[in-house]
Amino acid sequence: DMDEFPGGWHYHSRKKRGFMKEIMKGDHPAKIFHMSWTNNKANKVKFFQQMGQWYVRKEWESIVQDNATLSKPSLTESCCLADAEVICHYRD
């Protein structure tokens, strides 16, 4: 099902029908949200933050954006938030 792996088409085409709000509220079973349509990593992070899908602590963002590998449980526990922090970057 394409809705389990949404991307730019979903974000831009279905936004007015509430699809993105469903994802933000946790009412949609999306497994991965593809951000291949954004300009760069910093832009991807902003969209994830806007959608309430970014679970990385601020002090770890530069490490994660530099493709660091987090494999040890102690690292993932210290870098990840239990609940996403929503930061508004775009007017919607």
PDB file of N, CA and C in Angstrom:
ATOM      1  N   ASP A   1       0.844  -1.188   0.000  1.00  0.00           N
ATOM      2  CA  ASP A   1       0.000   0.000   0.000  1.00  0.00           C
ATOM      3  C   ASP A   1       0.888   1.251   0.000  1.00  0.00           C
ATOM      4  N   MET A   2       0.709   2.109  -0.984  1.00  0.00           N
ATOM      5  CA  MET A   2       1.526   3.330  -1.082  1.00  0.00           C
ATOM      6  C   MET A   2       1.366   4.246   0.124  1.00  0.00           C
ATOM      7  N   ASP A   3       0.217   4.207   0.773  1.00  0.00           N
ATOM      8  CA  ASP A   3      -0.004   5.081   1.917  1.00  0.00           C
ATOM      9  C   ASP A   3       0.864   4.717   3.118  1.00  0.00           C
ATOM     10  N   GLU A   4       1.409   3.502   3.139  1.00  0.00           N
ATOM     11  CA  GLU A   4       2.304   3.119   4.227  1.00  0.00           C
ATOM     12  C   GLU A   4       3.694   3.719   4.037  1.00  0.00           C
ATOM     13  N   PHE A   5       4.005   4.131   2.807  1.00  0.00           N
ATOM     14  CA  PHE A   5       5.305   4.709   2.487  1.00  0.00           C
ATOM     15  C   PHE A   5       5.108   6.015   1.717  1.00  0.00           C
ATOM     16  N   PRO A   6       4.479   7.023   2.351  1.00  0.00           N
ATOM     17  CA  PRO A   6       4.170   8.267   1.641  1.00  0.00           C
ATOM     18  C   PRO A   6       5.421   9.072   1.294  1.00  0.00           C
ATOM     19  N   GLY A   7       5.254   9.991   0.364  1.00  0.00           N
ATOM     20  CA  GLY A   7       6.341  10.862  -0.062  1.00  0.00           C
ATOM     21  C   GLY A   7       5.800  12.218  -0.469  1.00  0.00           C
ATOM     22  N   GLY A   8       6.511  12.883  -1.351  1.00  0.00           N
ATOM     23  CA  GLY A   8       6.139  14.232  -1.770  1.00  0.00           C
ATOM     24  C   GLY A   8       4.772  14.323  -2.403  1.00  0.00           C
ATOM     25  N   TRP A   9       4.401  13.327  -3.193  1.00  0.00           N
ATOM     26  CA  TRP A   9       3.075  13.349  -3.821  1.00  0.00           C
ATOM     27  C   TRP A   9       1.992  13.377  -2.755  1.00  0.00           C
ATOM     28  N   HIS A  10       2.157  12.560  -1.720  1.00  0.00           N
ATOM     29  CA  HIS A  10       1.187  12.534  -0.626  1.00  0.00           C
ATOM     30  C   HIS A  10       1.158  13.880   0.104  1.00  0.00           C
ATOM     31  N   TYR A  11       2.347  14.395   0.377  1.00  0.00           N
ATOM     32  CA  TYR A  11       2.425  15.642   1.135  1.00  0.00           C
ATOM     33  C   TYR A  11       1.739  16.785   0.396  1.00  0.00           C
ATOM     34  N   HIS A  12       2.028  16.920  -0.873  1.00  0.00           N
ATOM     35  CA  HIS A  12       1.515  18.055  -1.624  1.00  0.00           C
ATOM     36  C   HIS A  12       0.125  17.834  -2.204  1.00  0.00           C
ATOM     37  N   SER A  13      -0.209  16.646  -2.619  1.00  0.00           N
ATOM     38  CA  SER A  13      -1.493  16.412  -3.281  1.00  0.00           C
ATOM     39  C   SER A  13      -2.639  16.150  -2.331  1.00  0.00           C
ATOM     40  N   ARG A  14      -2.348  15.534  -1.212  1.00  0.00           N
ATOM     41  CA  ARG A  14      -3.425  15.123  -0.322  1.00  0.00           C
ATOM     42  C   ARG A  14      -3.528  15.983   0.931  1.00  0.00           C
ATOM     43  N   LYS A  15      -2.717  16.995   1.024  1.00  0.00           N
ATOM     44  CA  LYS A  15      -2.676  17.828   2.227  1.00  0.00           C
ATOM     45  C   LYS A  15      -4.050  18.400   2.560  1.00  0.00           C
ATOM     46  N   LYS A  16      -4.759  18.875   1.560  1.00  0.00           N
ATOM     47  CA  LYS A  16      -6.055  19.507   1.802  1.00  0.00           C
ATOM     48  C   LYS A  16      -7.114  18.509   2.235  1.00  0.00           C
ATOM     49  N   ARG A  17      -6.874  17.240   2.002  1.00  0.00           N
ATOM     50  CA  ARG A  17      -7.842  16.224   2.399  1.00  0.00           C
ATOM     51  C   ARG A  17      -7.550  15.646   3.779  1.00  0.00           C
ATOM     52  N   GLY A  18      -6.592  16.189   4.464  1.00  0.00           N
ATOM     53  CA  GLY A  18      -6.341  15.779   5.838  1.00  0.00           C
ATOM     54  C   GLY A  18      -5.334  14.651   6.014  1.00  0.00           C
ATOM     55  N   PHE A  19      -4.723  14.189   4.930  1.00  0.00           N
ATOM     56  CA  PHE A  19      -3.778  13.074   5.027  1.00  0.00           C
ATOM     57  C   PHE A  19      -2.626  13.391   5.977  1.00  0.00           C
ATOM     58  N   MET A  20      -2.035  14.562   5.844  1.00  0.00           N
ATOM     59  CA  MET A  20      -0.905  14.922   6.680  1.00  0.00           C
ATOM     60  C   MET A  20      -1.329  15.091   8.141  1.00  0.00           C
ATOM     61  N   LYS A  21      -2.511  15.602   8.369  1.00  0.00           N
ATOM     62  CA  LYS A  21      -3.003  15.739   9.743  1.00  0.00           C
ATOM     63  C   LYS A  21      -3.187  14.367  10.384  1.00  0.00           C
ATOM     64  N   GLU A  22      -3.611  13.388   9.593  1.00  0.00           N
ATOM     65  CA  GLU A  22      -3.749  12.025  10.104  1.00  0.00           C
ATOM     66  C   GLU A  22      -2.395  11.484  10.552  1.00  0.00           C
ATOM     67  N   ILE A  23      -1.357  11.718   9.763  1.00  0.00           N
ATOM     68  CA  ILE A  23      -0.017  11.261  10.124  1.00  0.00           C
ATOM     69  C   ILE A  23       0.441  11.961  11.398  1.00  0.00           C
ATOM     70  N   MET A  24       0.243  13.270  11.471  1.00  0.00           N
ATOM     71  CA  MET A  24       0.679  14.034  12.643  1.00  0.00           C
ATOM     72  C   MET A  24      -0.023  13.593  13.915  1.00  0.00           C
ATOM     73  N   LYS A  25      -1.299  13.236  13.814  1.00  0.00           N
ATOM     74  CA  LYS A  25      -2.055  12.795  14.989  1.00  0.00           C
ATOM     75  C   LYS A  25      -1.789  11.336  15.339  1.00  0.00           C
ATOM     76  N   GLY A  26      -1.079  10.622  14.466  1.00  0.00           N
ATOM     77  CA  GLY A  26      -0.827   9.209  14.709  1.00  0.00           C
ATOM     78  C   GLY A  26      -1.977   8.319  14.286  1.00  0.00           C
ATOM     79  N   ASP A  27      -2.895   8.867  13.487  1.00  0.00           N
ATOM     80  CA  ASP A  27      -4.057   8.111  13.022  1.00  0.00           C
ATOM     81  C   ASP A  27      -3.812   7.417  11.686  1.00  0.00           C
ATOM     82  N   HIS A  28      -2.598   7.483  11.190  1.00  0.00           N
ATOM     83  CA  HIS A  28      -2.288   6.872   9.899  1.00  0.00           C
ATOM     84  C   HIS A  28      -1.114   5.916  10.063  1.00  0.00           C
ATOM     85  N   PRO A  29      -1.164   4.747   9.447  1.00  0.00           N
ATOM     86  CA  PRO A  29      -0.124   3.735   9.656  1.00  0.00           C
ATOM     87  C   PRO A  29       1.135   3.900   8.799  1.00  0.00           C
ATOM     88  N   ALA A  30       1.540   5.118   8.496  1.00  0.00           N
ATOM     89  CA  ALA A  30       2.742   5.311   7.675  1.00  0.00           C
ATOM     90  C   ALA A  30       3.947   4.698   8.386  1.00  0.00           C
ATOM     91  N   LYS A  31       4.698   3.908   7.655  1.00  0.00           N
ATOM     92  CA  LYS A  31       5.876   3.254   8.218  1.00  0.00           C
ATOM     93  C   LYS A  31       7.121   4.112   8.007  1.00  0.00           C
ATOM     94  N   ILE A  32       7.254   4.675   6.825  1.00  0.00           N
ATOM     95  CA  ILE A  32       8.381   5.544   6.476  1.00  0.00           C
ATOM     96  C   ILE A  32       7.825   6.694   5.647  1.00  0.00           C
ATOM     97  N   PHE A  33       8.302   7.896   5.899  1.00  0.00           N
ATOM     98  CA  PHE A  33       7.902   9.039   5.083  1.00  0.00           C
ATOM     99  C   PHE A  33       9.106   9.443   4.254  1.00  0.00           C
ATOM    100  N   HIS A  34       9.018   9.257   2.960  1.00  0.00           N
ATOM    101  CA  HIS A  34      10.123   9.586   2.060  1.00  0.00           C
ATOM    102  C   HIS A  34      10.225  11.097   1.881  1.00  0.00           C
ATOM    103  N   MET A  35      11.420  11.632   2.059  1.00  0.00           N
ATOM    104  CA  MET A  35      11.659  13.059   1.872  1.00  0.00           C
ATOM    105  C   MET A  35      12.595  13.308   0.701  1.00  0.00           C
ATOM    106  N   SER A  36      12.581  12.433  -0.277  1.00  0.00           N
ATOM    107  CA  SER A  36      13.490  12.556  -1.415  1.00  0.00           C
ATOM    108  C   SER A  36      13.186  13.775  -2.277  1.00  0.00           C
ATOM    109  N   TRP A  37      12.046  14.390  -2.085  1.00  0.00           N
ATOM    110  CA  TRP A  37      11.637  15.539  -2.890  1.00  0.00           C
ATOM    111  C   TRP A  37      12.112  16.863  -2.307  1.00  0.00           C
ATOM    112  N   THR A  38      12.736  16.844  -1.128  1.00  0.00           N
ATOM    113  CA  THR A  38      13.218  18.083  -0.517  1.00  0.00           C
ATOM    114  C   THR A  38      14.620  18.418  -1.026  1.00  0.00           C
ATOM    115  N   ASN A  39      15.053  19.642  -0.809  1.00  0.00           N
ATOM    116  CA  ASN A  39      16.324  20.127  -1.353  1.00  0.00           C
ATOM    117  C   ASN A  39      17.565  19.511  -0.737  1.00  0.00           C
ATOM    118  N   ASN A  40      17.578  19.350   0.596  1.00  0.00           N
ATOM    119  CA  ASN A  40      18.786  18.889   1.284  1.00  0.00           C
ATOM    120  C   ASN A  40      18.413  18.339   2.657  1.00  0.00           C
ATOM    121  N   LYS A  41      19.396  17.890   3.400  1.00  0.00           N
ATOM    122  CA  LYS A  41      19.123  17.300   4.713  1.00  0.00           C
ATOM    123  C   LYS A  41      18.502  18.297   5.685  1.00  0.00           C
ATOM    124  N   ALA A  42      18.994  19.510   5.696  1.00  0.00           N
ATOM    125  CA  ALA A  42      18.458  20.521   6.611  1.00  0.00           C
ATOM    126  C   ALA A  42      16.975  20.771   6.317  1.00  0.00           C
ATOM    127  N   ASN A  43      16.618  20.790   5.039  1.00  0.00           N
ATOM    128  CA  ASN A  43      15.228  20.986   4.638  1.00  0.00           C
ATOM    129  C   ASN A  43      14.366  19.793   5.052  1.00  0.00           C
ATOM    130  N   LYS A  44      14.903  18.580   4.940  1.00  0.00           N
ATOM    131  CA  LYS A  44      14.191  17.371   5.350  1.00  0.00           C
ATOM    132  C   LYS A  44      13.867  17.432   6.842  1.00  0.00           C
ATOM    133  N   VAL A  45      14.869  17.835   7.633  1.00  0.00           N
ATOM    134  CA  VAL A  45      14.675  17.922   9.079  1.00  0.00           C
ATOM    135  C   VAL A  45      13.559  18.913   9.401  1.00  0.00           C
ATOM    136  N   LYS A  46      13.544  20.048   8.724  1.00  0.00           N
ATOM    137  CA  LYS A  46      12.495  21.039   8.975  1.00  0.00           C
ATOM    138  C   LYS A  46      11.108  20.474   8.691  1.00  0.00           C
ATOM    139  N   PHE A  47      10.957  19.730   7.605  1.00  0.00           N
ATOM    140  CA  PHE A  47       9.657  19.132   7.303  1.00  0.00           C
ATOM    141  C   PHE A  47       9.274  18.097   8.361  1.00  0.00           C
ATOM    142  N   PHE A  48      10.234  17.263   8.783  1.00  0.00           N
ATOM    143  CA  PHE A  48       9.930  16.281   9.827  1.00  0.00           C
ATOM    144  C   PHE A  48       9.554  16.974  11.135  1.00  0.00           C
ATOM    145  N   GLN A  49      10.257  18.038  11.492  1.00  0.00           N
ATOM    146  CA  GLN A  49       9.916  18.787  12.704  1.00  0.00           C
ATOM    147  C   GLN A  49       8.523  19.389  12.589  1.00  0.00           C
ATOM    148  N   GLN A  50       8.211  19.948  11.456  1.00  0.00           N
ATOM    149  CA  GLN A  50       6.907  20.570  11.215  1.00  0.00           C
ATOM    150  C   GLN A  50       5.783  19.534  11.358  1.00  0.00           C
ATOM    151  N   MET A  51       6.051  18.315  10.909  1.00  0.00           N
ATOM    152  CA  MET A  51       5.039  17.258  10.928  1.00  0.00           C
ATOM    153  C   MET A  51       4.975  16.514  12.261  1.00  0.00           C
ATOM    154  N   GLY A  52       5.878  16.836  13.190  1.00  0.00           N
ATOM    155  CA  GLY A  52       5.898  16.115  14.458  1.00  0.00           C
ATOM    156  C   GLY A  52       6.458  14.713  14.304  1.00  0.00           C
ATOM    157  N   GLN A  53       7.421  14.554  13.395  1.00  0.00           N
ATOM    158  CA  GLN A  53       8.013  13.246  13.131  1.00  0.00           C
ATOM    159  C   GLN A  53       9.523  13.239  13.365  1.00  0.00           C
ATOM    160  N   TRP A  54      10.056  14.230  14.061  1.00  0.00           N
ATOM    161  CA  TRP A  54      11.492  14.305  14.317  1.00  0.00           C
ATOM    162  C   TRP A  54      11.732  13.988  15.784  1.00  0.00           C
ATOM    163  N   TYR A  55      12.461  12.914  16.064  1.00  0.00           N
ATOM    164  CA  TYR A  55      12.654  12.415  17.420  1.00  0.00           C
ATOM    165  C   TYR A  55      14.096  12.532  17.905  1.00  0.00           C
ATOM    166  N   VAL A  56      14.848  13.449  17.341  1.00  0.00           N
ATOM    167  CA  VAL A  56      16.256  13.600  17.700  1.00  0.00           C
ATOM    168  C   VAL A  56      16.426  14.843  18.576  1.00  0.00           C
ATOM    169  N   ARG A  57      17.121  14.677  19.689  1.00  0.00           N
ATOM    170  CA  ARG A  57      17.389  15.823  20.567  1.00  0.00           C
ATOM    171  C   ARG A  57      18.227  16.861  19.825  1.00  0.00           C
ATOM    172  N   LYS A  58      17.959  18.121  20.111  1.00  0.00           N
ATOM    173  CA  LYS A  58      18.618  19.223  19.421  1.00  0.00           C
ATOM    174  C   LYS A  58      20.147  19.092  19.425  1.00  0.00           C
ATOM    175  N   GLU A  59      20.709  18.719  20.574  1.00  0.00           N
ATOM    176  CA  GLU A  59      22.171  18.623  20.681  1.00  0.00           C
ATOM    177  C   GLU A  59      22.764  17.492  19.829  1.00  0.00           C
ATOM    178  N   TRP A  60      21.928  16.594  19.332  1.00  0.00           N
ATOM    179  CA  TRP A  60      22.380  15.488  18.485  1.00  0.00           C
ATOM    180  C   TRP A  60      22.112  15.724  17.003  1.00  0.00           C
ATOM    181  N   GLU A  61      21.418  16.778  16.648  1.00  0.00           N
ATOM    182  CA  GLU A  61      21.007  16.979  15.256  1.00  0.00           C
ATOM    183  C   GLU A  61      22.179  17.034  14.282  1.00  0.00           C
ATOM    184  N   SER A  62      23.240  17.736  14.619  1.00  0.00           N
ATOM    185  CA  SER A  62      24.363  17.831  13.684  1.00  0.00           C
ATOM    186  C   SER A  62      25.035  16.476  13.493  1.00  0.00           C
ATOM    187  N   ILE A  63      25.073  15.667  14.525  1.00  0.00           N
ATOM    188  CA  ILE A  63      25.668  14.331  14.420  1.00  0.00           C
ATOM    189  C   ILE A  63      24.814  13.455  13.504  1.00  0.00           C
ATOM    190  N   VAL A  64      23.507  13.482  13.692  1.00  0.00           N
ATOM    191  CA  VAL A  64      22.603  12.680  12.870  1.00  0.00           C
ATOM    192  C   VAL A  64      22.620  13.159  11.426  1.00  0.00           C
ATOM    193  N   GLN A  65      22.644  14.456  11.202  1.00  0.00           N
ATOM    194  CA  GLN A  65      22.653  14.994   9.842  1.00  0.00           C
ATOM    195  C   GLN A  65      23.958  14.708   9.119  1.00  0.00           C
ATOM    196  N   ASP A  66      25.006  14.416   9.857  1.00  0.00           N
ATOM    197  CA  ASP A  66      26.292  14.078   9.236  1.00  0.00           C
ATOM    198  C   ASP A  66      26.432  12.573   8.996  1.00  0.00           C
ATOM    199  N   ASN A  67      25.297  11.856   8.966  1.00  0.00           N
ATOM    200  CA  ASN A  67      25.259  10.416   8.691  1.00  0.00           C
ATOM    201  C   ASN A  67      25.976   9.573   9.736  1.00  0.00           C
ATOM    202  N   ALA A  68      25.958   9.983  10.976  1.00  0.00           N
ATOM    203  CA  ALA A  68      26.569   9.178  12.028  1.00  0.00           C
ATOM    204  C   ALA A  68      25.750   7.908  12.221  1.00  0.00           C
ATOM    205  N   THR A  69      26.422   6.849  12.590  1.00  0.00           N
ATOM    206  CA  THR A  69      25.739   5.589  12.843  1.00  0.00           C
ATOM    207  C   THR A  69      25.512   5.464  14.332  1.00  0.00           C
ATOM    208  N   LEU A  70      24.254   5.313  14.712  1.00  0.00           N
ATOM    209  CA  LEU A  70      23.905   5.140  16.114  1.00  0.00           C
ATOM    210  C   LEU A  70      23.460   3.702  16.322  1.00  0.00           C
ATOM    211  N   SER A  71      24.350   2.866  16.820  1.00  0.00           N
ATOM    212  CA  SER A  71      24.005   1.459  16.944  1.00  0.00           C
ATOM    213  C   SER A  71      23.952   0.988  18.386  1.00  0.00           C
ATOM    214  N   LYS A  72      24.676   1.639  19.266  1.00  0.00           N
ATOM    215  CA  LYS A  72      24.690   1.208  20.659  1.00  0.00           C
ATOM    216  C   LYS A  72      23.446   1.734  21.366  1.00  0.00           C
ATOM    217  N   PRO A  73      22.810   0.900  22.210  1.00  0.00           N
ATOM    218  CA  PRO A  73      21.606   1.348  22.933  1.00  0.00           C
ATOM    219  C   PRO A  73      21.817   2.631  23.719  1.00  0.00           C
ATOM    220  N   SER A  74      22.998   2.810  24.330  1.00  0.00           N
ATOM    221  CA  SER A  74      23.231   4.026  25.124  1.00  0.00           C
ATOM    222  C   SER A  74      23.192   5.276  24.246  1.00  0.00           C
ATOM    223  N   LEU A  75      23.654   5.165  23.007  1.00  0.00           N
ATOM    224  CA  LEU A  75      23.609   6.310  22.100  1.00  0.00           C
ATOM    225  C   LEU A  75      22.186   6.616  21.668  1.00  0.00           C
ATOM    226  N   THR A  76      21.438   5.583  21.305  1.00  0.00           N
ATOM    227  CA  THR A  76      20.071   5.824  20.844  1.00  0.00           C
ATOM    228  C   THR A  76      19.191   6.329  21.974  1.00  0.00           C
ATOM    229  N   GLU A  77      19.428   5.880  23.173  1.00  0.00           N
ATOM    230  CA  GLU A  77      18.645   6.362  24.302  1.00  0.00           C
ATOM    231  C   GLU A  77      18.936   7.827  24.588  1.00  0.00           C
ATOM    232  N   SER A  78      20.192   8.240  24.457  1.00  0.00           N
ATOM    233  CA  SER A  78      20.539   9.621  24.780  1.00  0.00           C
ATOM    234  C   SER A  78      20.224  10.589  23.637  1.00  0.00           C
ATOM    235  N   CYS A  79      20.166  10.098  22.398  1.00  0.00           N
ATOM    236  CA  CYS A  79      19.942  11.012  21.277  1.00  0.00           C
ATOM    237  C   CYS A  79      18.467  11.165  20.921  1.00  0.00           C
ATOM    238  N   CYS A  80      17.655  10.172  21.277  1.00  0.00           N
ATOM    239  CA  CYS A  80      16.260  10.143  20.803  1.00  0.00           C
ATOM    240  C   CYS A  80      15.263  10.585  21.853  1.00  0.00           C
ATOM    241  N   LEU A  81      14.252  11.297  21.388  1.00  0.00           N
ATOM    242  CA  LEU A  81      13.154  11.737  22.250  1.00  0.00           C
ATOM    243  C   LEU A  81      12.046  10.690  22.232  1.00  0.00           C
ATOM    244  N   ALA A  82      11.359  10.514  23.343  1.00  0.00           N
ATOM    245  CA  ALA A  82      10.219   9.598  23.385  1.00  0.00           C
ATOM    246  C   ALA A  82       9.057  10.175  22.582  1.00  0.00           C
ATOM    247  N   ASP A  83       8.879  11.480  22.664  1.00  0.00           N
ATOM    248  CA  ASP A  83       7.828  12.172  21.914  1.00  0.00           C
ATOM    249  C   ASP A  83       8.484  13.231  21.035  1.00  0.00           C
ATOM    250  N   ALA A  84       8.020  13.320  19.821  1.00  0.00           N
ATOM    251  CA  ALA A  84       8.585  14.292  18.882  1.00  0.00           C
ATOM    252  C   ALA A  84       8.297  15.719  19.343  1.00  0.00           C
ATOM    253  N   GLU A  85       9.248  16.596  19.085  1.00  0.00           N
ATOM    254  CA  GLU A  85       9.058  18.020  19.354  1.00  0.00           C
ATOM    255  C   GLU A  85       8.626  18.680  18.049  1.00  0.00           C
ATOM    256  N   VAL A  86       7.478  19.319  18.079  1.00  0.00           N
ATOM    257  CA  VAL A  86       6.964  19.988  16.881  1.00  0.00           C
ATOM    258  C   VAL A  86       7.530  21.404  16.832  1.00  0.00           C
ATOM    259  N   ILE A  87       8.173  21.735  15.720  1.00  0.00           N
ATOM    260  CA  ILE A  87       8.716  23.078  15.512  1.00  0.00           C
ATOM    261  C   ILE A  87       8.150  23.570  14.186  1.00  0.00           C
ATOM    262  N   CYS A  88       7.473  24.690  14.208  1.00  0.00           N
ATOM    263  CA  CYS A  88       6.872  25.226  12.990  1.00  0.00           C
ATOM    264  C   CYS A  88       7.891  26.047  12.212  1.00  0.00           C
ATOM    265  N   HIS A  89       8.081  25.652  10.961  1.00  0.00           N
ATOM    266  CA  HIS A  89       8.985  26.363  10.051  1.00  0.00           C
ATOM    267  C   HIS A  89       8.237  26.961   8.878  1.00  0.00           C
ATOM    268  N   TYR A  90       7.111  26.346   8.531  1.00  0.00           N
ATOM    269  CA  TYR A  90       6.370  26.743   7.328  1.00  0.00           C
ATOM    270  C   TYR A  90       4.932  27.096   7.682  1.00  0.00           C
ATOM    271  N   ARG A  91       4.406  28.038   6.979  1.00  0.00           N
ATOM    272  CA  ARG A  91       3.011  28.431   7.157  1.00  0.00           C
ATOM    273  C   ARG A  91       2.138  27.446   6.391  1.00  0.00           C
ATOM    274  N   ASP A  92       1.176  26.855   7.057  1.00  0.00           N
ATOM    275  CA  ASP A  92       0.291  25.917   6.367  1.00  0.00           C
ATOM    276  C   ASP A  92      -1.143  26.050   6.793  1.00  0.00           C
TER     277      ASP A  92
END
